[in-house]
């Protein structure tokens, strides 16, 4: 993926946010998806997904945004 001039700083932030998303998803699942602790990790994962989505908006990558919308919908389902 090419990072536009002046946006290179988004690369590291996007990677950290994506890592946070999957790590919090895993921890929330392990703690129990119906427990408060599990749901808290799913909320954090959802926030990290929003961060990656916004970075992809700034990068003008709508192809990745569609995948992130699906992930967000799955996380919303886990929070019900």
PDB file of N, CA and C in Angstrom:
ATOM      1  N   UNK A   1       0.852  -1.167   0.000  1.00  0.00           N
ATOM      2  CA  UNK A   1       0.000   0.000   0.000  1.00  0.00           C
ATOM      3  C   UNK A   1       0.900   1.233   0.000  1.00  0.00           C
ATOM      4  N   UNK A   2       0.582   2.154  -0.861  1.00  0.00           N
ATOM      5  CA  UNK A   2       1.348   3.387  -0.921  1.00  0.00           C
ATOM      6  C   UNK A   2       0.719   4.418  -0.003  1.00  0.00           C
ATOM      7  N   UNK A   3       1.560   5.125   0.693  1.00  0.00           N
ATOM      8  CA  UNK A   3       1.080   6.149   1.623  1.00  0.00           C
ATOM      9  C   UNK A   3       1.328   7.508   0.992  1.00  0.00           C
ATOM     10  N   UNK A   4       0.269   8.291   0.788  1.00  0.00           N
ATOM     11  CA  UNK A   4       0.438   9.597   0.150  1.00  0.00           C
ATOM     12  C   UNK A   4       1.381  10.501   0.927  1.00  0.00           C
ATOM     13  N   UNK A   5       2.011  11.366   0.194  1.00  0.00           N
ATOM     14  CA  UNK A   5       2.926  12.344   0.787  1.00  0.00           C
ATOM     15  C   UNK A   5       2.211  13.091   1.920  1.00  0.00           C
ATOM     16  N   UNK A   6       2.878  13.197   3.038  1.00  0.00           N
ATOM     17  CA  UNK A   6       2.300  13.884   4.187  1.00  0.00           C
ATOM     18  C   UNK A   6       1.400  13.023   5.054  1.00  0.00           C
ATOM     19  N   UNK A   7       1.205  11.755   4.685  1.00  0.00           N
ATOM     20  CA  UNK A   7       0.327  10.860   5.449  1.00  0.00           C
ATOM     21  C   UNK A   7       1.057   9.622   5.953  1.00  0.00           C
ATOM     22  N   UNK A   8       2.362   9.590   5.835  1.00  0.00           N
ATOM     23  CA  UNK A   8       3.135   8.408   6.242  1.00  0.00           C
ATOM     24  C   UNK A   8       2.938   8.071   7.715  1.00  0.00           C
ATOM     25  N   UNK A   9       2.682   9.070   8.540  1.00  0.00           N
ATOM     26  CA  UNK A   9       2.474   8.822   9.971  1.00  0.00           C
ATOM     27  C   UNK A   9       1.248   7.943  10.227  1.00  0.00           C
ATOM     28  N   UNK A  10       0.336   7.923   9.269  1.00  0.00           N
ATOM     29  CA  UNK A  10      -0.863   7.106   9.436  1.00  0.00           C
ATOM     30  C   UNK A  10      -0.557   5.611   9.365  1.00  0.00           C
ATOM     31  N   UNK A  11       0.541   5.260   8.714  1.00  0.00           N
ATOM     32  CA  UNK A  11       0.867   3.846   8.574  1.00  0.00           C
ATOM     33  C   UNK A  11       1.044   3.188   9.944  1.00  0.00           C
ATOM     34  N   UNK A  12       1.909   3.755  10.780  1.00  0.00           N
ATOM     35  CA  UNK A  12       2.146   3.179  12.106  1.00  0.00           C
ATOM     36  C   UNK A  12       0.885   3.188  12.950  1.00  0.00           C
ATOM     37  N   UNK A  13       0.146   4.274  12.908  1.00  0.00           N
ATOM     38  CA  UNK A  13      -1.082   4.366  13.696  1.00  0.00           C
ATOM     39  C   UNK A  13      -2.110   3.341  13.232  1.00  0.00           C
ATOM     40  N   UNK A  14      -2.222   3.152  11.929  1.00  0.00           N
ATOM     41  CA  UNK A  14      -3.165   2.171  11.386  1.00  0.00           C
ATOM     42  C   UNK A  14      -2.794   0.755  11.799  1.00  0.00           C
ATOM     43  N   UNK A  15      -1.508   0.452  11.762  1.00  0.00           N
ATOM     44  CA  UNK A  15      -1.054  -0.878  12.162  1.00  0.00           C
ATOM     45  C   UNK A  15      -1.343  -1.106  13.642  1.00  0.00           C
ATOM     46  N   UNK A  16      -1.072  -0.109  14.480  1.00  0.00           N
ATOM     47  CA  UNK A  16      -1.350  -0.253  15.917  1.00  0.00           C
ATOM     48  C   UNK A  16      -2.845  -0.435  16.172  1.00  0.00           C
ATOM     49  N   UNK A  17      -3.670   0.337  15.472  1.00  0.00           N
ATOM     50  CA  UNK A  17      -5.118   0.230  15.659  1.00  0.00           C
ATOM     51  C   UNK A  17      -5.633  -1.131  15.176  1.00  0.00           C
ATOM     52  N   UNK A  18      -5.111  -1.610  14.051  1.00  0.00           N
ATOM     53  CA  UNK A  18      -5.534  -2.924  13.545  1.00  0.00           C
ATOM     54  C   UNK A  18      -5.108  -4.031  14.507  1.00  0.00           C
ATOM     55  N   UNK A  19      -3.892  -3.913  15.049  1.00  0.00           N
ATOM     56  CA  UNK A  19      -3.433  -4.889  16.044  1.00  0.00           C
ATOM     57  C   UNK A  19      -4.338  -4.855  17.274  1.00  0.00           C
ATOM     58  N   UNK A  20      -4.682  -3.661  17.718  1.00  0.00           N
ATOM     59  CA  UNK A  20      -5.538  -3.510  18.882  1.00  0.00           C
ATOM     60  C   UNK A  20      -6.908  -4.146  18.634  1.00  0.00           C
ATOM     61  N   UNK A  21      -7.435  -3.969  17.435  1.00  0.00           N
ATOM     62  CA  UNK A  21      -8.732  -4.542  17.093  1.00  0.00           C
ATOM     63  C   UNK A  21      -8.708  -6.053  17.295  1.00  0.00           C
ATOM     64  N   UNK A  22      -7.766  -6.739  16.663  1.00  0.00           N
ATOM     65  CA  UNK A  22      -7.779  -8.209  16.744  1.00  0.00           C
ATOM     66  C   UNK A  22      -7.402  -8.711  18.135  1.00  0.00           C
ATOM     67  N   UNK A  23      -6.497  -8.017  18.816  1.00  0.00           N
ATOM     68  CA  UNK A  23      -6.101  -8.460  20.157  1.00  0.00           C
ATOM     69  C   UNK A  23      -7.239  -8.293  21.160  1.00  0.00           C
ATOM     70  N   UNK A  24      -7.974  -7.181  21.070  1.00  0.00           N
ATOM     71  CA  UNK A  24      -9.110  -6.988  21.974  1.00  0.00           C
ATOM     72  C   UNK A  24     -10.267  -7.918  21.636  1.00  0.00           C
ATOM     73  N   UNK A  25     -10.442  -8.235  20.376  1.00  0.00           N
ATOM     74  CA  UNK A  25     -11.453  -9.212  19.992  1.00  0.00           C
ATOM     75  C   UNK A  25     -11.130 -10.570  20.614  1.00  0.00           C
ATOM     76  N   UNK A  26      -9.890 -10.981  20.509  1.00  0.00           N
ATOM     77  CA  UNK A  26      -9.473 -12.273  21.082  1.00  0.00           C
ATOM     78  C   UNK A  26      -9.639 -12.280  22.598  1.00  0.00           C
ATOM     79  N   UNK A  27      -9.228 -11.205  23.259  1.00  0.00           N
ATOM     80  CA  UNK A  27      -9.333 -11.165  24.717  1.00  0.00           C
ATOM     81  C   UNK A  27     -10.797 -11.117  25.164  1.00  0.00           C
ATOM     82  N   UNK A  28     -11.618 -10.360  24.456  1.00  0.00           N
ATOM     83  CA  UNK A  28     -13.036 -10.310  24.793  1.00  0.00           C
ATOM     84  C   UNK A  28     -13.697 -11.669  24.654  1.00  0.00           C
ATOM     85  N   UNK A  29     -13.332 -12.389  23.593  1.00  0.00           N
ATOM     86  CA  UNK A  29     -13.890 -13.723  23.386  1.00  0.00           C
ATOM     87  C   UNK A  29     -13.461 -14.657  24.505  1.00  0.00           C
ATOM     88  N   UNK A  30     -12.203 -14.584  24.876  1.00  0.00           N
ATOM     89  CA  UNK A  30     -11.680 -15.461  25.930  1.00  0.00           C
ATOM     90  C   UNK A  30     -12.322 -15.158  27.286  1.00  0.00           C
ATOM     91  N   UNK A  31     -12.600 -13.895  27.565  1.00  0.00           N
ATOM     92  CA  UNK A  31     -13.204 -13.518  28.846  1.00  0.00           C
ATOM     93  C   UNK A  31     -14.690 -13.850  28.906  1.00  0.00           C
ATOM     94  N   UNK A  32     -15.255 -14.152  27.775  1.00  0.00           N
ATOM     95  CA  UNK A  32     -16.676 -14.515  27.733  1.00  0.00           C
ATOM     96  C   UNK A  32     -17.468 -13.438  27.030  1.00  0.00           C
ATOM     97  N   UNK A  33     -18.038 -13.798  25.903  1.00  0.00           N
ATOM     98  CA  UNK A  33     -18.682 -12.774  25.083  1.00  0.00           C
ATOM     99  C   UNK A  33     -19.926 -12.177  25.724  1.00  0.00           C
ATOM    100  N   UNK A  34     -20.478 -12.831  26.714  1.00  0.00           N
ATOM    101  CA  UNK A  34     -21.676 -12.285  27.362  1.00  0.00           C
ATOM    102  C   UNK A  34     -21.362 -11.586  28.696  1.00  0.00           C
ATOM    103  N   UNK A  35     -20.100 -11.569  29.091  1.00  0.00           N
ATOM    104  CA  UNK A  35     -19.728 -10.914  30.346  1.00  0.00           C
ATOM    105  C   UNK A  35     -19.428  -9.436  30.099  1.00  0.00           C
ATOM    106  N   UNK A  36     -19.460  -8.645  31.149  1.00  0.00           N
ATOM    107  CA  UNK A  36     -19.111  -7.228  31.023  1.00  0.00           C
ATOM    108  C   UNK A  36     -17.674  -7.048  30.570  1.00  0.00           C
ATOM    109  N   UNK A  37     -16.763  -7.868  31.106  1.00  0.00           N
ATOM    110  CA  UNK A  37     -15.352  -7.762  30.719  1.00  0.00           C
ATOM    111  C   UNK A  37     -15.187  -8.066  29.236  1.00  0.00           C
ATOM    112  N   UNK A  38     -15.863  -9.102  28.748  1.00  0.00           N
ATOM    113  CA  UNK A  38     -15.773  -9.443  27.334  1.00  0.00           C
ATOM    114  C   UNK A  38     -16.320  -8.341  26.446  1.00  0.00           C
ATOM    115  N   UNK A  39     -17.478  -7.816  26.825  1.00  0.00           N
ATOM    116  CA  UNK A  39     -18.102  -6.760  26.022  1.00  0.00           C
ATOM    117  C   UNK A  39     -17.257  -5.484  26.028  1.00  0.00           C
ATOM    118  N   UNK A  40     -16.583  -5.206  27.136  1.00  0.00           N
ATOM    119  CA  UNK A  40     -15.719  -4.036  27.177  1.00  0.00           C
ATOM    120  C   UNK A  40     -14.606  -4.157  26.133  1.00  0.00           C
ATOM    121  N   UNK A  41     -14.035  -5.342  26.009  1.00  0.00           N
ATOM    122  CA  UNK A  41     -12.979  -5.542  25.006  1.00  0.00           C
ATOM    123  C   UNK A  41     -13.546  -5.431  23.588  1.00  0.00           C
ATOM    124  N   UNK A  42     -14.787  -5.871  23.391  1.00  0.00           N
ATOM    125  CA  UNK A  42     -15.405  -5.727  22.075  1.00  0.00           C
ATOM    126  C   UNK A  42     -15.631  -4.249  21.751  1.00  0.00           C
ATOM    127  N   UNK A  43     -15.990  -3.455  22.767  1.00  0.00           N
ATOM    128  CA  UNK A  43     -16.162  -2.007  22.544  1.00  0.00           C
ATOM    129  C   UNK A  43     -14.842  -1.354  22.160  1.00  0.00           C
ATOM    130  N   UNK A  44     -13.781  -1.760  22.838  1.00  0.00           N
ATOM    131  CA  UNK A  44     -12.453  -1.219  22.506  1.00  0.00           C
ATOM    132  C   UNK A  44     -12.075  -1.622  21.082  1.00  0.00           C
ATOM    133  N   UNK A  45     -12.335  -2.882  20.722  1.00  0.00           N
ATOM    134  CA  UNK A  45     -12.046  -3.358  19.363  1.00  0.00           C
ATOM    135  C   UNK A  45     -12.835  -2.553  18.335  1.00  0.00           C
ATOM    136  N   UNK A  46     -14.093  -2.259  18.656  1.00  0.00           N
ATOM    137  CA  UNK A  46     -14.943  -1.477  17.758  1.00  0.00           C
ATOM    138  C   UNK A  46     -14.357  -0.074  17.564  1.00  0.00           C
ATOM    139  N   UNK A  47     -13.866   0.524  18.635  1.00  0.00           N
ATOM    140  CA  UNK A  47     -13.231   1.841  18.540  1.00  0.00           C
ATOM    141  C   UNK A  47     -11.962   1.801  17.698  1.00  0.00           C
ATOM    142  N   UNK A  48     -11.184   0.740  17.856  1.00  0.00           N
ATOM    143  CA  UNK A  48      -9.970   0.593  17.044  1.00  0.00           C
ATOM    144  C   UNK A  48     -10.333   0.422  15.577  1.00  0.00           C
ATOM    145  N   UNK A  49     -11.414  -0.301  15.316  1.00  0.00           N
ATOM    146  CA  UNK A  49     -11.881  -0.446  13.936  1.00  0.00           C
ATOM    147  C   UNK A  49     -12.278   0.898  13.341  1.00  0.00           C
ATOM    148  N   UNK A  50     -12.921   1.727  14.141  1.00  0.00           N
ATOM    149  CA  UNK A  50     -13.298   3.064  13.676  1.00  0.00           C
ATOM    150  C   UNK A  50     -12.054   3.894  13.360  1.00  0.00           C
ATOM    151  N   UNK A  51     -11.022   3.701  14.150  1.00  0.00           N
ATOM    152  CA  UNK A  51      -9.761   4.420  13.921  1.00  0.00           C
ATOM    153  C   UNK A  51      -9.133   3.985  12.585  1.00  0.00           C
ATOM    154  N   UNK A  52      -9.114   2.681  12.335  1.00  0.00           N
ATOM    155  CA  UNK A  52      -8.569   2.187  11.066  1.00  0.00           C
ATOM    156  C   UNK A  52      -9.436   2.680   9.907  1.00  0.00           C
ATOM    157  N   UNK A  53     -10.759   2.643  10.072  1.00  0.00           N
ATOM    158  CA  UNK A  53     -11.685   3.116   9.036  1.00  0.00           C
ATOM    159  C   UNK A  53     -11.377   4.571   8.677  1.00  0.00           C
ATOM    160  N   UNK A  54     -11.194   5.396   9.695  1.00  0.00           N
ATOM    161  CA  UNK A  54     -10.919   6.811   9.454  1.00  0.00           C
ATOM    162  C   UNK A  54      -9.580   6.995   8.744  1.00  0.00           C
ATOM    163  N   UNK A  55      -8.577   6.217   9.136  1.00  0.00           N
ATOM    164  CA  UNK A  55      -7.276   6.293   8.454  1.00  0.00           C
ATOM    165  C   UNK A  55      -7.432   5.917   6.983  1.00  0.00           C
ATOM    166  N   UNK A  56      -8.253   4.889   6.703  1.00  0.00           N
ATOM    167  CA  UNK A  56      -8.457   4.484   5.310  1.00  0.00           C
ATOM    168  C   UNK A  56      -9.254   5.540   4.542  1.00  0.00           C
ATOM    169  N   UNK A  57     -10.112   6.291   5.243  1.00  0.00           N
ATOM    170  CA  UNK A  57     -10.814   7.408   4.618  1.00  0.00           C
ATOM    171  C   UNK A  57      -9.802   8.470   4.195  1.00  0.00           C
ATOM    172  N   UNK A  58      -8.892   8.775   5.091  1.00  0.00           N
ATOM    173  CA  UNK A  58      -7.857   9.760   4.772  1.00  0.00           C
ATOM    174  C   UNK A  58      -6.931   9.273   3.655  1.00  0.00           C
ATOM    175  N   UNK A  59      -6.766   7.959   3.563  1.00  0.00           N
ATOM    176  CA  UNK A  59      -5.918   7.365   2.529  1.00  0.00           C
ATOM    177  C   UNK A  59      -6.676   7.173   1.216  1.00  0.00           C
ATOM    178  N   UNK A  60      -7.985   7.442   1.247  1.00  0.00           N
ATOM    179  CA  UNK A  60      -8.853   7.252   0.075  1.00  0.00           C
ATOM    180  C   UNK A  60      -8.813   5.801  -0.412  1.00  0.00           C
ATOM    181  N   UNK A  61      -9.118   4.882   0.529  1.00  0.00           N
ATOM    182  CA  UNK A  61      -9.138   3.442   0.239  1.00  0.00           C
ATOM    183  C   UNK A  61     -10.526   2.861   0.521  1.00  0.00           C
ATOM    184  N   UNK A  62     -11.520   3.169  -0.318  1.00  0.00           N
ATOM    185  CA  UNK A  62     -12.871   2.660  -0.085  1.00  0.00           C
ATOM    186  C   UNK A  62     -12.956   1.137  -0.135  1.00  0.00           C
ATOM    187  N   UNK A  63     -12.032   0.496  -0.853  1.00  0.00           N
ATOM    188  CA  UNK A  63     -12.049  -0.969  -0.927  1.00  0.00           C
ATOM    189  C   UNK A  63     -11.836  -1.588   0.454  1.00  0.00           C
ATOM    190  N   UNK A  64     -10.986  -1.002   1.254  1.00  0.00           N
ATOM    191  CA  UNK A  64     -10.747  -1.496   2.609  1.00  0.00           C
ATOM    192  C   UNK A  64     -11.857  -1.074   3.559  1.00  0.00           C
ATOM    193  N   UNK A  65     -12.495   0.034   3.272  1.00  0.00           N
ATOM    194  CA  UNK A  65     -13.580   0.501   4.131  1.00  0.00           C
ATOM    195  C   UNK A  65     -14.746  -0.483   4.122  1.00  0.00           C
ATOM    196  N   UNK A  66     -15.015  -1.111   3.000  1.00  0.00           N
ATOM    197  CA  UNK A  66     -16.106  -2.095   2.946  1.00  0.00           C
ATOM    198  C   UNK A  66     -15.833  -3.255   3.899  1.00  0.00           C
ATOM    199  N   UNK A  67     -14.594  -3.739   3.919  1.00  0.00           N
ATOM    200  CA  UNK A  67     -14.227  -4.815   4.848  1.00  0.00           C
ATOM    201  C   UNK A  67     -14.389  -4.354   6.291  1.00  0.00           C
ATOM    202  N   UNK A  68     -13.984  -3.132   6.567  1.00  0.00           N
ATOM    203  CA  UNK A  68     -14.077  -2.607   7.934  1.00  0.00           C
ATOM    204  C   UNK A  68     -15.536  -2.419   8.359  1.00  0.00           C
ATOM    205  N   UNK A  69     -16.401  -2.075   7.427  1.00  0.00           N
ATOM    206  CA  UNK A  69     -17.836  -1.978   7.758  1.00  0.00           C
ATOM    207  C   UNK A  69     -18.389  -3.342   8.164  1.00  0.00           C
ATOM    208  N   UNK A  70     -17.969  -4.386   7.459  1.00  0.00           N
ATOM    209  CA  UNK A  70     -18.429  -5.741   7.808  1.00  0.00           C
ATOM    210  C   UNK A  70     -17.907  -6.149   9.187  1.00  0.00           C
ATOM    211  N   UNK A  71     -16.661  -5.827   9.479  1.00  0.00           N
ATOM    212  CA  UNK A  71     -16.087  -6.137  10.800  1.00  0.00           C
ATOM    213  C   UNK A  71     -16.854  -5.383  11.879  1.00  0.00           C
ATOM    214  N   UNK A  72     -17.158  -4.111  11.632  1.00  0.00           N
ATOM    215  CA  UNK A  72     -17.907  -3.312  12.596  1.00  0.00           C
ATOM    216  C   UNK A  72     -19.281  -3.928  12.863  1.00  0.00           C
ATOM    217  N   UNK A  73     -19.945  -4.405  11.818  1.00  0.00           N
ATOM    218  CA  UNK A  73     -21.257  -5.027  11.974  1.00  0.00           C
ATOM    219  C   UNK A  73     -21.153  -6.300  12.815  1.00  0.00           C
ATOM    220  N   UNK A  74     -20.091  -7.079  12.606  1.00  0.00           N
ATOM    221  CA  UNK A  74     -19.895  -8.294  13.403  1.00  0.00           C
ATOM    222  C   UNK A  74     -19.654  -7.947  14.866  1.00  0.00           C
ATOM    223  N   UNK A  75     -18.861  -6.916  15.123  1.00  0.00           N
ATOM    224  CA  UNK A  75     -18.610  -6.505  16.505  1.00  0.00           C
ATOM    225  C   UNK A  75     -19.890  -5.986  17.157  1.00  0.00           C
ATOM    226  N   UNK A  76     -20.695  -5.262  16.392  1.00  0.00           N
ATOM    227  CA  UNK A  76     -21.974  -4.775  16.936  1.00  0.00           C
ATOM    228  C   UNK A  76     -22.842  -5.950  17.340  1.00  0.00           C
ATOM    229  N   UNK A  77     -22.809  -7.022  16.559  1.00  0.00           N
ATOM    230  CA  UNK A  77     -23.565  -8.223  16.916  1.00  0.00           C
ATOM    231  C   UNK A  77     -23.078  -8.859  18.205  1.00  0.00           C
ATOM    232  N   UNK A  78     -21.782  -8.828  18.439  1.00  0.00           N
ATOM    233  CA  UNK A  78     -21.236  -9.386  19.684  1.00  0.00           C
ATOM    234  C   UNK A  78     -21.631  -8.543  20.905  1.00  0.00           C
ATOM    235  N   UNK A  79     -21.920  -7.272  20.682  1.00  0.00           N
ATOM    236  CA  UNK A  79     -22.273  -6.389  21.802  1.00  0.00           C
ATOM    237  C   UNK A  79     -23.755  -6.461  22.165  1.00  0.00           C
ATOM    238  N   UNK A  80     -24.534  -7.197  21.406  1.00  0.00           N
ATOM    239  CA  UNK A  80     -25.974  -7.312  21.725  1.00  0.00           C
ATOM    240  C   UNK A  80     -26.195  -8.235  22.876  1.00  0.00           C
TER     241      UNK A  80
END
